[in-house]
Amino acid sequence: MKLLLTTLLILAFTTTGGGCGEAKAPPAANATQAAAAAAPAAATGVPDFTVTTLEGKTLRLSELRGQVVVVDYWATWCGPCRIAMPHLQKLHEEYQTQGVTVLALSVDQKGPSVVVPFIRQNGFTFAVAMADERSAAAFGNFSSIPTTVIVRPDGRVHTTLTGVHPYEEYVAAVKAARAAAPGTRG
């Protein structure tokens, strides 16, 4: 697992796309790049994984079927991740009663000892867990953090957002994922 997370961290510092290691331009500065990053991915099923949240609750992805799941890979040391986290909190607050679950998976190598204080200090109340090998590999390879994957209620990937985006783009992606799943409404 440490090798996988080390590889992810190295990739985060050596890639482009508005994630960690990149110049910190304002999120809306490159609308074309943001729109391309928000383009729906091919709708594919997601391998199931189970994580234990920092509060000790077991969360299994397959048990969230029927909801839109926002899975965000992030780290405490990542500037763009720190910008995106309040967007996730706002999504959680505004949409949790509408069938949206936010799950933040930290790739911090120092583990909960740095993640728990960060979460508490910032008052984030959505589900947070440490990424492990299975949860990190569930959506295929990603080369930069933050990477946010929007999973439709039918359990298929709808959209992947790389880097930080304006809050409205996260909302639009969630609504589109809900609308795209058979038998659901936006």
N, C-alpha and C. Protein backbone atom coordinates (compact mmCIF):
# COMPACT_ATOMS: atom_id res chain seq x y z
N MET A 1 0.83 -1.19 0.00
CA MET A 1 0.00 0.00 0.00
C MET A 1 0.87 1.25 0.00
N LYS A 2 1.96 1.25 0.79
CA LYS A 2 2.82 2.44 0.84
C LYS A 2 3.42 2.73 -0.53
N LEU A 3 3.77 1.68 -1.29
CA LEU A 3 4.31 1.88 -2.62
C LEU A 3 3.28 2.55 -3.52
N LEU A 4 2.02 2.08 -3.46
CA LEU A 4 0.97 2.68 -4.26
C LEU A 4 0.77 4.15 -3.89
N LEU A 5 0.68 4.44 -2.60
CA LEU A 5 0.47 5.82 -2.18
C LEU A 5 1.67 6.69 -2.51
N THR A 6 2.89 6.15 -2.38
CA THR A 6 4.08 6.91 -2.76
C THR A 6 4.04 7.24 -4.25
N THR A 7 3.66 6.26 -5.06
CA THR A 7 3.54 6.49 -6.50
C THR A 7 2.51 7.58 -6.79
N LEU A 8 1.36 7.52 -6.11
CA LEU A 8 0.33 8.55 -6.30
C LEU A 8 0.85 9.93 -5.93
N LEU A 9 1.60 10.00 -4.85
CA LEU A 9 2.12 11.29 -4.41
C LEU A 9 3.13 11.84 -5.41
N ILE A 10 3.99 10.99 -5.92
CA ILE A 10 4.97 11.42 -6.92
C ILE A 10 4.25 11.90 -8.18
N LEU A 11 3.26 11.14 -8.62
CA LEU A 11 2.50 11.54 -9.80
C LEU A 11 1.78 12.86 -9.58
N ALA A 12 1.29 13.08 -8.38
CA ALA A 12 0.58 14.33 -8.08
C ALA A 12 1.50 15.53 -8.26
N PHE A 13 2.77 15.36 -7.98
CA PHE A 13 3.69 16.48 -8.11
C PHE A 13 4.26 16.64 -9.52
N THR A 14 4.07 15.64 -10.39
CA THR A 14 4.71 15.71 -11.69
C THR A 14 3.75 15.83 -12.86
N THR A 15 2.46 16.00 -12.59
CA THR A 15 1.49 16.06 -13.67
C THR A 15 0.85 17.43 -13.76
N THR A 16 0.12 17.64 -14.85
CA THR A 16 -0.60 18.90 -15.01
C THR A 16 -2.07 18.66 -14.85
N GLY A 17 -2.85 19.73 -14.79
CA GLY A 17 -4.29 19.60 -14.73
C GLY A 17 -4.92 20.31 -13.55
N GLY A 18 -4.19 21.18 -12.87
CA GLY A 18 -4.80 21.94 -11.79
C GLY A 18 -4.77 21.26 -10.45
N GLY A 19 -4.10 20.14 -10.34
CA GLY A 19 -4.00 19.45 -9.06
C GLY A 19 -2.74 19.86 -8.34
N CYS A 20 -2.41 19.13 -7.29
CA CYS A 20 -1.22 19.45 -6.51
C CYS A 20 0.02 19.40 -7.37
N GLY A 21 0.91 20.34 -7.09
CA GLY A 21 2.14 20.45 -7.87
C GLY A 21 2.00 21.42 -9.02
N GLU A 22 0.82 21.94 -9.21
CA GLU A 22 0.57 22.86 -10.31
C GLU A 22 0.48 24.29 -9.80
N ALA A 23 0.62 25.24 -10.73
CA ALA A 23 0.40 26.64 -10.37
C ALA A 23 -1.03 26.78 -9.88
N LYS A 24 -1.22 27.59 -8.89
CA LYS A 24 -2.54 27.70 -8.28
C LYS A 24 -3.34 28.85 -8.88
N ALA A 25 -3.73 28.67 -10.14
CA ALA A 25 -4.56 29.67 -10.80
C ALA A 25 -5.96 29.61 -10.22
N PRO A 26 -6.70 30.69 -10.29
CA PRO A 26 -8.09 30.66 -9.81
C PRO A 26 -8.86 29.55 -10.52
N PRO A 27 -9.78 28.86 -9.83
CA PRO A 27 -10.49 27.73 -10.40
C PRO A 27 -11.17 28.04 -11.72
N ALA A 28 -11.71 29.22 -11.92
CA ALA A 28 -12.44 29.53 -13.15
C ALA A 28 -11.55 30.13 -14.22
N ALA A 29 -10.24 30.17 -14.01
CA ALA A 29 -9.34 30.84 -14.94
C ALA A 29 -9.29 30.16 -16.30
N ASN A 30 -9.47 28.87 -16.35
CA ASN A 30 -9.38 28.16 -17.61
C ASN A 30 -10.67 27.37 -17.80
N ALA A 31 -11.70 28.02 -18.29
CA ALA A 31 -13.02 27.39 -18.42
C ALA A 31 -12.99 26.22 -19.40
N THR A 32 -12.18 26.30 -20.45
CA THR A 32 -12.10 25.21 -21.41
C THR A 32 -11.53 23.96 -20.75
N GLN A 33 -10.46 24.12 -20.00
CA GLN A 33 -9.85 22.98 -19.31
C GLN A 33 -10.83 22.42 -18.28
N ALA A 34 -11.51 23.27 -17.55
CA ALA A 34 -12.47 22.82 -16.54
C ALA A 34 -13.61 22.05 -17.19
N ALA A 35 -14.11 22.54 -18.32
CA ALA A 35 -15.19 21.84 -19.00
C ALA A 35 -14.73 20.48 -19.51
N ALA A 36 -13.52 20.40 -20.03
CA ALA A 36 -12.99 19.12 -20.51
C ALA A 36 -12.83 18.14 -19.36
N ALA A 37 -12.36 18.62 -18.23
CA ALA A 37 -12.18 17.73 -17.08
C ALA A 37 -13.51 17.26 -16.54
N ALA A 38 -14.56 18.02 -16.73
CA ALA A 38 -15.87 17.65 -16.21
C ALA A 38 -16.66 16.80 -17.19
N ALA A 39 -16.12 16.54 -18.38
CA ALA A 39 -16.84 15.74 -19.36
C ALA A 39 -17.13 14.36 -18.79
N PRO A 40 -18.34 13.84 -19.03
CA PRO A 40 -18.68 12.53 -18.48
C PRO A 40 -17.73 11.46 -18.97
N ALA A 41 -17.31 10.62 -18.05
CA ALA A 41 -16.48 9.48 -18.40
C ALA A 41 -17.40 8.41 -18.98
N ALA A 42 -16.80 7.43 -19.62
CA ALA A 42 -17.60 6.30 -20.07
C ALA A 42 -18.23 5.68 -18.83
N ALA A 43 -19.51 5.45 -18.88
CA ALA A 43 -20.21 4.92 -17.71
C ALA A 43 -19.78 3.47 -17.50
N THR A 44 -18.99 3.27 -16.48
CA THR A 44 -18.50 1.93 -16.18
C THR A 44 -18.82 1.60 -14.74
N GLY A 45 -19.01 0.31 -14.50
CA GLY A 45 -19.25 -0.14 -13.14
C GLY A 45 -17.99 0.03 -12.30
N VAL A 46 -18.17 0.22 -11.02
CA VAL A 46 -17.07 0.45 -10.10
C VAL A 46 -16.85 -0.80 -9.26
N PRO A 47 -15.62 -1.28 -9.16
CA PRO A 47 -15.38 -2.41 -8.26
C PRO A 47 -15.72 -1.98 -6.83
N ASP A 48 -16.33 -2.89 -6.09
CA ASP A 48 -16.72 -2.58 -4.73
C ASP A 48 -15.49 -2.47 -3.83
N PHE A 49 -15.58 -1.62 -2.84
CA PHE A 49 -14.54 -1.53 -1.81
C PHE A 49 -15.18 -1.11 -0.51
N THR A 50 -14.48 -1.39 0.57
CA THR A 50 -14.93 -1.03 1.90
C THR A 50 -13.84 -0.23 2.58
N VAL A 51 -14.23 0.85 3.24
CA VAL A 51 -13.29 1.66 4.01
C VAL A 51 -13.88 1.86 5.40
N THR A 52 -13.02 2.20 6.32
CA THR A 52 -13.45 2.56 7.66
C THR A 52 -13.21 4.03 7.83
N THR A 53 -14.28 4.77 8.13
CA THR A 53 -14.15 6.22 8.28
C THR A 53 -13.32 6.54 9.51
N LEU A 54 -12.90 7.78 9.62
CA LEU A 54 -12.12 8.20 10.77
C LEU A 54 -12.91 8.06 12.07
N GLU A 55 -14.23 8.01 11.97
CA GLU A 55 -15.08 7.81 13.16
C GLU A 55 -15.28 6.33 13.47
N GLY A 56 -14.71 5.44 12.64
CA GLY A 56 -14.81 4.01 12.89
C GLY A 56 -16.00 3.33 12.22
N LYS A 57 -16.72 4.04 11.37
CA LYS A 57 -17.88 3.48 10.67
C LYS A 57 -17.40 2.77 9.40
N THR A 58 -17.89 1.56 9.17
CA THR A 58 -17.57 0.83 7.95
C THR A 58 -18.48 1.32 6.84
N LEU A 59 -17.89 1.69 5.72
CA LEU A 59 -18.63 2.20 4.57
C LEU A 59 -18.28 1.34 3.37
N ARG A 60 -19.28 0.68 2.80
CA ARG A 60 -19.07 -0.16 1.62
C ARG A 60 -19.73 0.53 0.43
N LEU A 61 -18.99 0.71 -0.64
CA LEU A 61 -19.50 1.44 -1.79
C LEU A 61 -20.79 0.84 -2.32
N SER A 62 -20.87 -0.48 -2.40
CA SER A 62 -22.07 -1.12 -2.94
C SER A 62 -23.30 -0.84 -2.09
N GLU A 63 -23.14 -0.55 -0.82
CA GLU A 63 -24.27 -0.25 0.05
C GLU A 63 -24.81 1.16 -0.19
N LEU A 64 -24.09 1.95 -0.96
CA LEU A 64 -24.54 3.31 -1.29
C LEU A 64 -25.28 3.35 -2.62
N ARG A 65 -25.49 2.18 -3.22
CA ARG A 65 -26.23 2.10 -4.48
C ARG A 65 -27.58 2.77 -4.30
N GLY A 66 -28.00 3.52 -5.30
CA GLY A 66 -29.24 4.29 -5.21
C GLY A 66 -28.99 5.75 -4.87
N GLN A 67 -27.75 6.06 -4.51
CA GLN A 67 -27.36 7.44 -4.21
C GLN A 67 -26.31 7.89 -5.21
N VAL A 68 -26.16 9.19 -5.35
CA VAL A 68 -25.00 9.73 -6.05
C VAL A 68 -23.89 9.76 -5.01
N VAL A 69 -22.73 9.21 -5.36
CA VAL A 69 -21.61 9.18 -4.43
C VAL A 69 -20.49 10.04 -5.02
N VAL A 70 -20.03 10.99 -4.22
CA VAL A 70 -18.94 11.88 -4.60
C VAL A 70 -17.70 11.39 -3.85
N VAL A 71 -16.78 10.76 -4.58
CA VAL A 71 -15.56 10.22 -3.98
C VAL A 71 -14.42 11.15 -4.35
N ASP A 72 -13.77 11.71 -3.33
CA ASP A 72 -12.69 12.67 -3.57
C ASP A 72 -11.39 12.14 -2.97
N TYR A 73 -10.36 12.05 -3.81
CA TYR A 73 -9.01 11.68 -3.37
C TYR A 73 -8.26 12.97 -3.09
N TRP A 74 -7.64 13.08 -1.93
CA TRP A 74 -7.06 14.34 -1.49
C TRP A 74 -5.96 14.08 -0.47
N ALA A 75 -5.28 15.15 -0.06
CA ALA A 75 -4.28 15.09 1.01
C ALA A 75 -4.24 16.44 1.73
N THR A 76 -3.85 16.41 2.99
CA THR A 76 -3.81 17.64 3.79
C THR A 76 -2.78 18.62 3.28
N TRP A 77 -1.71 18.15 2.66
CA TRP A 77 -0.63 19.01 2.20
C TRP A 77 -0.89 19.60 0.82
N CYS A 78 -1.97 19.24 0.19
CA CYS A 78 -2.28 19.64 -1.19
C CYS A 78 -3.11 20.92 -1.19
N GLY A 79 -2.53 22.00 -1.69
CA GLY A 79 -3.22 23.29 -1.74
C GLY A 79 -4.55 23.25 -2.47
N PRO A 80 -4.60 22.73 -3.70
CA PRO A 80 -5.89 22.65 -4.39
C PRO A 80 -6.91 21.79 -3.64
N CYS A 81 -6.45 20.75 -2.95
CA CYS A 81 -7.36 19.93 -2.16
C CYS A 81 -7.98 20.76 -1.05
N ARG A 82 -7.18 21.59 -0.42
CA ARG A 82 -7.67 22.44 0.66
C ARG A 82 -8.71 23.44 0.15
N ILE A 83 -8.58 23.85 -1.11
CA ILE A 83 -9.56 24.75 -1.71
C ILE A 83 -10.85 23.99 -2.02
N ALA A 84 -10.73 22.73 -2.47
CA ALA A 84 -11.90 21.94 -2.85
C ALA A 84 -12.69 21.42 -1.66
N MET A 85 -12.06 21.20 -0.53
CA MET A 85 -12.74 20.60 0.62
C MET A 85 -13.99 21.38 1.08
N PRO A 86 -13.95 22.71 1.14
CA PRO A 86 -15.18 23.43 1.50
C PRO A 86 -16.32 23.22 0.50
N HIS A 87 -15.97 23.00 -0.78
CA HIS A 87 -17.00 22.69 -1.77
C HIS A 87 -17.67 21.35 -1.42
N LEU A 88 -16.86 20.38 -1.02
CA LEU A 88 -17.40 19.08 -0.63
C LEU A 88 -18.30 19.21 0.59
N GLN A 89 -17.87 20.03 1.54
CA GLN A 89 -18.69 20.24 2.74
C GLN A 89 -20.04 20.86 2.37
N LYS A 90 -20.00 21.85 1.49
CA LYS A 90 -21.24 22.49 1.08
C LYS A 90 -22.15 21.50 0.34
N LEU A 91 -21.57 20.67 -0.53
CA LEU A 91 -22.34 19.62 -1.20
C LEU A 91 -23.00 18.70 -0.17
N HIS A 92 -22.20 18.29 0.80
CA HIS A 92 -22.70 17.41 1.86
C HIS A 92 -23.87 18.06 2.59
N GLU A 93 -23.71 19.29 2.98
CA GLU A 93 -24.76 19.98 3.74
C GLU A 93 -26.03 20.19 2.92
N GLU A 94 -25.87 20.52 1.64
CA GLU A 94 -27.03 20.86 0.83
C GLU A 94 -27.70 19.66 0.17
N TYR A 95 -26.98 18.55 -0.01
CA TYR A 95 -27.54 17.45 -0.80
C TYR A 95 -27.60 16.10 -0.08
N GLN A 96 -27.13 16.01 1.16
CA GLN A 96 -27.16 14.71 1.82
C GLN A 96 -28.59 14.18 2.00
N THR A 97 -29.56 15.05 2.18
CA THR A 97 -30.94 14.61 2.32
C THR A 97 -31.60 14.31 0.98
N GLN A 98 -30.85 14.55 -0.11
CA GLN A 98 -31.37 14.31 -1.46
C GLN A 98 -30.66 13.12 -2.11
N GLY A 99 -30.08 12.24 -1.29
CA GLY A 99 -29.46 11.04 -1.84
C GLY A 99 -28.07 11.24 -2.39
N VAL A 100 -27.30 12.14 -1.79
CA VAL A 100 -25.90 12.36 -2.21
C VAL A 100 -25.00 12.08 -1.00
N THR A 101 -24.02 11.22 -1.21
CA THR A 101 -23.04 10.92 -0.16
C THR A 101 -21.68 11.40 -0.62
N VAL A 102 -21.00 12.15 0.24
CA VAL A 102 -19.64 12.62 -0.02
C VAL A 102 -18.69 11.73 0.79
N LEU A 103 -17.69 11.19 0.11
CA LEU A 103 -16.67 10.36 0.75
C LEU A 103 -15.30 10.87 0.32
N ALA A 104 -14.54 11.39 1.27
CA ALA A 104 -13.19 11.90 0.98
C ALA A 104 -12.19 10.83 1.40
N LEU A 105 -11.33 10.42 0.47
CA LEU A 105 -10.33 9.40 0.74
C LEU A 105 -8.95 10.05 0.74
N SER A 106 -8.35 10.12 1.91
CA SER A 106 -7.05 10.77 2.04
C SER A 106 -5.92 9.84 1.62
N VAL A 107 -4.96 10.39 0.89
CA VAL A 107 -3.76 9.64 0.50
C VAL A 107 -2.56 10.07 1.34
N ASP A 108 -2.81 10.77 2.46
CA ASP A 108 -1.73 11.18 3.35
C ASP A 108 -0.98 9.97 3.89
N GLN A 109 0.33 9.92 3.67
CA GLN A 109 1.14 8.80 4.16
C GLN A 109 1.26 8.79 5.67
N LYS A 110 1.13 9.94 6.30
CA LYS A 110 1.24 9.99 7.76
C LYS A 110 -0.04 9.52 8.43
N GLY A 111 -1.07 9.26 7.65
CA GLY A 111 -2.30 8.66 8.15
C GLY A 111 -3.17 9.56 8.99
N PRO A 112 -4.01 8.93 9.80
CA PRO A 112 -4.98 9.67 10.60
C PRO A 112 -4.36 10.71 11.53
N SER A 113 -3.10 10.54 11.90
CA SER A 113 -2.48 11.50 12.83
C SER A 113 -2.44 12.92 12.27
N VAL A 114 -2.44 13.07 10.94
CA VAL A 114 -2.50 14.41 10.35
C VAL A 114 -3.88 14.73 9.78
N VAL A 115 -4.62 13.70 9.40
CA VAL A 115 -5.92 13.90 8.77
C VAL A 115 -6.98 14.30 9.80
N VAL A 116 -7.03 13.60 10.93
CA VAL A 116 -8.05 13.88 11.95
C VAL A 116 -7.99 15.33 12.43
N PRO A 117 -6.82 15.85 12.81
CA PRO A 117 -6.79 17.25 13.24
C PRO A 117 -7.23 18.23 12.14
N PHE A 118 -6.85 17.94 10.90
CA PHE A 118 -7.23 18.80 9.78
C PHE A 118 -8.75 18.82 9.61
N ILE A 119 -9.36 17.66 9.65
CA ILE A 119 -10.82 17.55 9.49
C ILE A 119 -11.54 18.28 10.62
N ARG A 120 -11.09 18.04 11.85
CA ARG A 120 -11.72 18.68 13.01
C ARG A 120 -11.54 20.20 12.98
N GLN A 121 -10.32 20.65 12.68
CA GLN A 121 -10.02 22.08 12.65
C GLN A 121 -10.90 22.82 11.66
N ASN A 122 -11.22 22.16 10.55
CA ASN A 122 -12.00 22.80 9.50
C ASN A 122 -13.50 22.52 9.58
N GLY A 123 -13.90 21.70 10.53
CA GLY A 123 -15.32 21.44 10.74
C GLY A 123 -15.99 20.63 9.65
N PHE A 124 -15.23 19.80 8.94
CA PHE A 124 -15.82 18.98 7.88
C PHE A 124 -16.59 17.83 8.51
N THR A 125 -17.82 17.60 8.03
CA THR A 125 -18.68 16.58 8.62
C THR A 125 -19.04 15.45 7.67
N PHE A 126 -18.54 15.47 6.44
CA PHE A 126 -18.78 14.37 5.51
C PHE A 126 -17.87 13.20 5.88
N ALA A 127 -18.12 12.05 5.28
CA ALA A 127 -17.34 10.85 5.58
C ALA A 127 -15.91 11.00 5.06
N VAL A 128 -14.95 10.69 5.92
CA VAL A 128 -13.53 10.74 5.55
C VAL A 128 -12.89 9.42 5.97
N ALA A 129 -12.10 8.86 5.08
CA ALA A 129 -11.37 7.62 5.37
C ALA A 129 -9.99 7.72 4.73
N MET A 130 -9.14 6.83 5.14
CA MET A 130 -7.83 6.74 4.51
C MET A 130 -7.96 5.84 3.28
N ALA A 131 -7.40 6.29 2.15
CA ALA A 131 -7.40 5.46 0.95
C ALA A 131 -6.49 4.27 1.19
N ASP A 132 -6.93 3.13 0.74
CA ASP A 132 -6.07 1.95 0.77
C ASP A 132 -5.89 1.48 -0.67
N GLU A 133 -5.20 0.40 -0.87
CA GLU A 133 -4.89 -0.05 -2.22
C GLU A 133 -6.16 -0.31 -3.04
N ARG A 134 -7.14 -0.95 -2.44
CA ARG A 134 -8.38 -1.28 -3.18
C ARG A 134 -9.20 -0.03 -3.49
N SER A 135 -9.36 0.86 -2.52
CA SER A 135 -10.17 2.07 -2.78
C SER A 135 -9.45 3.01 -3.74
N ALA A 136 -8.13 3.03 -3.70
CA ALA A 136 -7.37 3.89 -4.62
C ALA A 136 -7.42 3.36 -6.05
N ALA A 137 -7.52 2.05 -6.20
CA ALA A 137 -7.53 1.45 -7.53
C ALA A 137 -8.94 1.30 -8.11
N ALA A 138 -9.97 1.54 -7.32
CA ALA A 138 -11.34 1.29 -7.75
C ALA A 138 -11.74 2.05 -9.01
N PHE A 139 -11.23 3.23 -9.18
CA PHE A 139 -11.62 4.07 -10.32
C PHE A 139 -10.53 4.14 -11.38
N GLY A 140 -9.58 3.23 -11.32
CA GLY A 140 -8.49 3.25 -12.27
C GLY A 140 -7.41 4.20 -11.79
N ASN A 141 -6.53 4.50 -12.66
CA ASN A 141 -5.41 5.36 -12.29
C ASN A 141 -5.81 6.83 -12.33
N PHE A 142 -5.35 7.57 -11.36
CA PHE A 142 -5.48 9.02 -11.41
C PHE A 142 -4.10 9.58 -11.13
N SER A 143 -3.80 10.70 -11.75
CA SER A 143 -2.43 11.20 -11.69
C SER A 143 -2.27 12.49 -10.92
N SER A 144 -3.34 13.02 -10.38
CA SER A 144 -3.27 14.29 -9.68
C SER A 144 -4.36 14.32 -8.63
N ILE A 145 -4.09 15.06 -7.57
CA ILE A 145 -5.13 15.27 -6.57
C ILE A 145 -5.35 16.77 -6.44
N PRO A 146 -6.56 17.20 -6.13
CA PRO A 146 -7.71 16.35 -5.91
C PRO A 146 -8.24 15.74 -7.20
N THR A 147 -8.73 14.52 -7.08
CA THR A 147 -9.49 13.88 -8.14
C THR A 147 -10.82 13.49 -7.51
N THR A 148 -11.89 13.97 -8.12
CA THR A 148 -13.23 13.72 -7.61
C THR A 148 -14.00 12.90 -8.63
N VAL A 149 -14.50 11.75 -8.18
CA VAL A 149 -15.25 10.85 -9.04
C VAL A 149 -16.71 10.90 -8.62
N ILE A 150 -17.59 11.15 -9.57
CA ILE A 150 -19.02 11.20 -9.31
C ILE A 150 -19.61 9.87 -9.80
N VAL A 151 -20.19 9.12 -8.86
CA VAL A 151 -20.77 7.81 -9.18
C VAL A 151 -22.29 7.96 -9.21
N ARG A 152 -22.88 7.47 -10.28
CA ARG A 152 -24.32 7.53 -10.46
C ARG A 152 -25.04 6.60 -9.48
N PRO A 153 -26.33 6.79 -9.26
CA PRO A 153 -27.08 5.90 -8.37
C PRO A 153 -27.06 4.43 -8.80
N ASP A 154 -26.84 4.18 -10.09
CA ASP A 154 -26.78 2.80 -10.56
C ASP A 154 -25.38 2.19 -10.40
N GLY A 155 -24.48 2.91 -9.74
CA GLY A 155 -23.15 2.37 -9.44
C GLY A 155 -22.14 2.52 -10.55
N ARG A 156 -22.43 3.34 -11.52
CA ARG A 156 -21.51 3.54 -12.64
C ARG A 156 -20.86 4.92 -12.53
N VAL A 157 -19.61 5.01 -12.97
CA VAL A 157 -18.92 6.30 -12.97
C VAL A 157 -19.58 7.20 -13.99
N HIS A 158 -19.90 8.41 -13.57
CA HIS A 158 -20.48 9.38 -14.49
C HIS A 158 -19.44 10.40 -14.94
N THR A 159 -18.73 10.99 -13.98
CA THR A 159 -17.81 12.08 -14.28
C THR A 159 -16.61 12.02 -13.34
N THR A 160 -15.46 12.42 -13.86
CA THR A 160 -14.27 12.58 -13.03
C THR A 160 -13.79 14.02 -13.18
N LEU A 161 -13.65 14.71 -12.06
CA LEU A 161 -13.14 16.08 -12.05
C LEU A 161 -11.73 16.04 -11.47
N THR A 162 -10.77 16.53 -12.23
CA THR A 162 -9.40 16.57 -11.76
C THR A 162 -9.04 18.01 -11.44
N GLY A 163 -8.44 18.22 -10.29
CA GLY A 163 -8.12 19.56 -9.84
C GLY A 163 -9.30 20.16 -9.10
N VAL A 164 -9.18 21.43 -8.78
CA VAL A 164 -10.25 22.12 -8.06
C VAL A 164 -11.13 22.85 -9.08
N HIS A 165 -12.42 22.87 -8.81
CA HIS A 165 -13.39 23.47 -9.70
C HIS A 165 -14.31 24.39 -8.90
N PRO A 166 -14.99 25.31 -9.58
CA PRO A 166 -16.01 26.12 -8.88
C PRO A 166 -17.10 25.20 -8.32
N TYR A 167 -17.66 25.60 -7.21
CA TYR A 167 -18.70 24.82 -6.55
C TYR A 167 -19.82 24.42 -7.52
N GLU A 168 -20.22 25.34 -8.37
CA GLU A 168 -21.31 25.10 -9.30
C GLU A 168 -21.04 23.91 -10.23
N GLU A 169 -19.77 23.65 -10.54
CA GLU A 169 -19.43 22.51 -11.39
C GLU A 169 -19.65 21.19 -10.65
N TYR A 170 -19.36 21.17 -9.35
CA TYR A 170 -19.63 19.97 -8.56
C TYR A 170 -21.13 19.70 -8.51
N VAL A 171 -21.91 20.76 -8.28
CA VAL A 171 -23.37 20.63 -8.23
C VAL A 171 -23.90 20.13 -9.57
N ALA A 172 -23.44 20.73 -10.66
CA ALA A 172 -23.90 20.32 -12.00
C ALA A 172 -23.56 18.85 -12.26
N ALA A 173 -22.37 18.42 -11.84
CA ALA A 173 -21.98 17.02 -12.04
C ALA A 173 -22.85 16.07 -11.23
N VAL A 174 -23.17 16.45 -10.01
CA VAL A 174 -24.04 15.63 -9.16
C VAL A 174 -25.43 15.52 -9.77
N LYS A 175 -25.98 16.64 -10.21
CA LYS A 175 -27.32 16.64 -10.80
C LYS A 175 -27.33 15.83 -12.10
N ALA A 176 -26.30 15.97 -12.92
CA ALA A 176 -26.22 15.22 -14.17
C ALA A 176 -26.10 13.72 -13.90
N ALA A 177 -25.34 13.35 -12.88
CA ALA A 177 -25.19 11.93 -12.54
C ALA A 177 -26.53 11.34 -12.10
N ARG A 178 -27.27 12.11 -11.32
CA ARG A 178 -28.58 11.65 -10.86
C ARG A 178 -29.51 11.47 -12.07
N ALA A 179 -29.50 12.43 -12.97
CA ALA A 179 -30.38 12.39 -14.14
C ALA A 179 -29.99 11.29 -15.13
N ALA A 180 -28.70 10.93 -15.20
CA ALA A 180 -28.22 9.97 -16.18
C ALA A 180 -28.53 8.53 -15.80
N ALA A 181 -28.75 8.28 -14.52
CA ALA A 181 -29.00 6.91 -14.08
C ALA A 181 -30.44 6.50 -14.44
N PRO A 182 -30.60 5.31 -14.98
CA PRO A 182 -31.96 4.84 -15.31
C PRO A 182 -32.85 4.85 -14.08
N GLY A 183 -34.07 5.33 -14.25
CA GLY A 183 -35.05 5.30 -13.17
C GLY A 183 -34.87 6.37 -12.12
N THR A 184 -34.01 7.37 -12.38
CA THR A 184 -33.83 8.46 -11.41
C THR A 184 -34.17 9.77 -12.08
N ARG A 185 -34.34 10.79 -11.27
CA ARG A 185 -34.64 12.12 -11.79
C ARG A 185 -33.60 13.09 -11.27
N GLY A 186 -33.26 14.12 -12.09
CA GLY A 186 -32.29 15.14 -11.72
C GLY A 186 -32.84 16.05 -10.71
